[in-house]
Amino acid sequence: MFFLVLFVAAAFLAGAFFLRRLLPQYATAIQRSWLVRVSLFAFCGLLLLGLVLVPLPNKHRLVALVPIFFLITAFVRIFKSGKARVRAGEHSAPDVERMKRMN
């Protein structure tokens, strides 16, 4: 149990250091909030992954890694497209009149 607490503390400190190093690269508040949200989601996801995989025996860990791999690749694609949208500045409100004409 002590090693689990030590692992969580080390992961939190590493994430905080990484976030502090990346934060000056993002200029606007929207970009910074996106970075903080992604960092928190990644930390919680990795913590959950670690807590799920610890009690499983070896064969079950290998079987559990297959869907986890697909989930991670899907989330990476989602986060990359979100990062591109935030950097491009496409976070404005949708054009409601254009949407009405298309319908």
Protein backbone atom coordinates (compact mmCIF):
# COMPACT_ATOMS: atom_id res chain seq x y z
CA MET A 1 0.00 0.00 0.00
CA PHE A 2 2.89 2.33 0.78
CA PHE A 3 4.27 1.90 -2.74
CA LEU A 4 0.91 2.81 -4.25
CA VAL A 5 0.79 6.06 -2.27
CA LEU A 6 4.38 6.77 -3.24
CA PHE A 7 3.57 6.09 -6.89
CA VAL A 8 0.57 8.44 -6.83
CA ALA A 9 2.64 11.19 -5.17
CA ALA A 10 5.45 10.78 -7.71
CA ALA A 11 2.99 10.84 -10.61
CA PHE A 12 1.32 13.97 -9.25
CA LEU A 13 4.66 15.76 -8.81
CA ALA A 14 5.83 14.75 -12.27
CA GLY A 15 2.55 15.96 -13.78
CA ALA A 16 2.77 19.26 -11.91
CA PHE A 17 6.36 19.79 -13.10
CA PHE A 18 5.38 18.92 -16.67
CA LEU A 19 2.37 21.24 -16.56
CA ARG A 20 4.43 24.10 -15.11
CA ARG A 21 6.99 23.67 -17.88
CA LEU A 22 4.34 23.65 -20.65
CA LEU A 23 2.10 26.43 -19.34
CA PRO A 24 4.16 29.41 -20.66
CA GLN A 25 3.90 28.06 -24.22
CA TYR A 26 0.14 28.68 -24.24
CA ALA A 27 -0.72 32.35 -24.56
CA THR A 28 -4.48 32.67 -24.15
CA ALA A 29 -6.66 31.66 -21.24
CA ILE A 30 -8.60 29.22 -23.43
CA GLN A 31 -5.42 27.40 -24.42
CA ARG A 32 -4.24 27.25 -20.82
CA SER A 33 -7.59 25.94 -19.59
CA TRP A 34 -7.49 23.26 -22.30
CA LEU A 35 -4.00 22.23 -21.17
CA VAL A 36 -5.07 22.02 -17.53
CA ARG A 37 -8.17 19.97 -18.42
CA VAL A 38 -6.16 17.54 -20.55
CA SER A 39 -3.53 17.20 -17.81
CA LEU A 40 -6.14 16.46 -15.15
CA PHE A 41 -7.90 13.98 -17.39
CA ALA A 42 -4.63 12.22 -18.22
CA PHE A 43 -3.63 12.06 -14.55
CA CYS A 44 -7.00 10.63 -13.50
CA GLY A 45 -6.98 8.19 -16.41
CA LEU A 46 -3.48 6.91 -15.64
CA LEU A 47 -4.34 6.64 -11.95
CA LEU A 48 -7.45 4.64 -12.78
CA LEU A 49 -5.45 2.47 -15.17
CA GLY A 50 -2.90 1.75 -12.48
CA LEU A 51 -5.56 0.94 -9.91
CA VAL A 52 -7.33 -1.39 -12.32
CA LEU A 53 -4.23 -3.28 -13.40
CA VAL A 54 -2.65 -3.78 -9.96
CA PRO A 55 -5.02 -6.48 -8.60
CA LEU A 56 -5.22 -8.46 -11.84
CA PRO A 57 -3.10 -11.58 -12.39
CA ASN A 58 -0.59 -11.64 -15.25
CA LYS A 59 -2.78 -13.24 -17.95
CA HIS A 60 -5.67 -10.90 -17.24
CA ARG A 61 -3.37 -7.87 -17.37
CA LEU A 62 -2.35 -8.78 -20.88
CA VAL A 63 -5.96 -9.25 -21.96
CA ALA A 64 -6.94 -5.94 -20.33
CA LEU A 65 -4.22 -4.06 -22.21
CA VAL A 66 -5.87 -4.60 -25.61
CA PRO A 67 -9.00 -2.48 -25.03
CA ILE A 68 -6.94 -0.01 -22.99
CA PHE A 69 -4.64 0.48 -25.98
CA PHE A 70 -7.60 1.27 -28.24
CA LEU A 71 -9.06 3.69 -25.70
CA ILE A 72 -5.74 5.50 -25.33
CA THR A 73 -5.32 5.86 -29.09
CA ALA A 74 -8.88 7.20 -29.41
CA PHE A 75 -8.32 9.76 -26.65
CA VAL A 76 -5.01 10.85 -28.18
CA ARG A 77 -6.75 11.56 -31.48
CA ILE A 78 -9.51 13.48 -29.70
CA PHE A 79 -7.01 15.55 -27.74
CA LYS A 80 -4.91 16.28 -30.84
CA SER A 81 -7.92 17.51 -32.77
CA GLY A 82 -8.99 19.59 -29.77
CA LYS A 83 -5.52 21.08 -29.53
CA ALA A 84 -5.60 21.97 -33.22
CA ARG A 85 -9.01 23.63 -32.83
CA VAL A 86 -7.88 25.62 -29.81
CA ARG A 87 -4.69 26.76 -31.50
CA ALA A 88 -6.55 27.69 -34.69
CA GLY A 89 -9.03 29.76 -32.76
CA GLU A 90 -12.15 27.93 -33.91
CA HIS A 91 -13.76 28.29 -30.52
CA SER A 92 -16.24 30.91 -31.63
CA ALA A 93 -19.99 30.45 -31.47
CA PRO A 94 -21.61 28.52 -34.35
CA ASP A 95 -23.47 30.45 -37.03
CA VAL A 96 -27.10 29.68 -36.20
CA GLU A 97 -28.51 31.33 -39.33
CA ARG A 98 -26.32 29.19 -41.57
CA MET A 99 -27.37 26.09 -39.69
CA LYS A 100 -31.04 27.00 -40.17
CA ARG A 101 -30.53 27.44 -43.93
CA MET A 102 -28.83 24.06 -44.22
CA ASN A 103 -31.77 22.35 -42.56
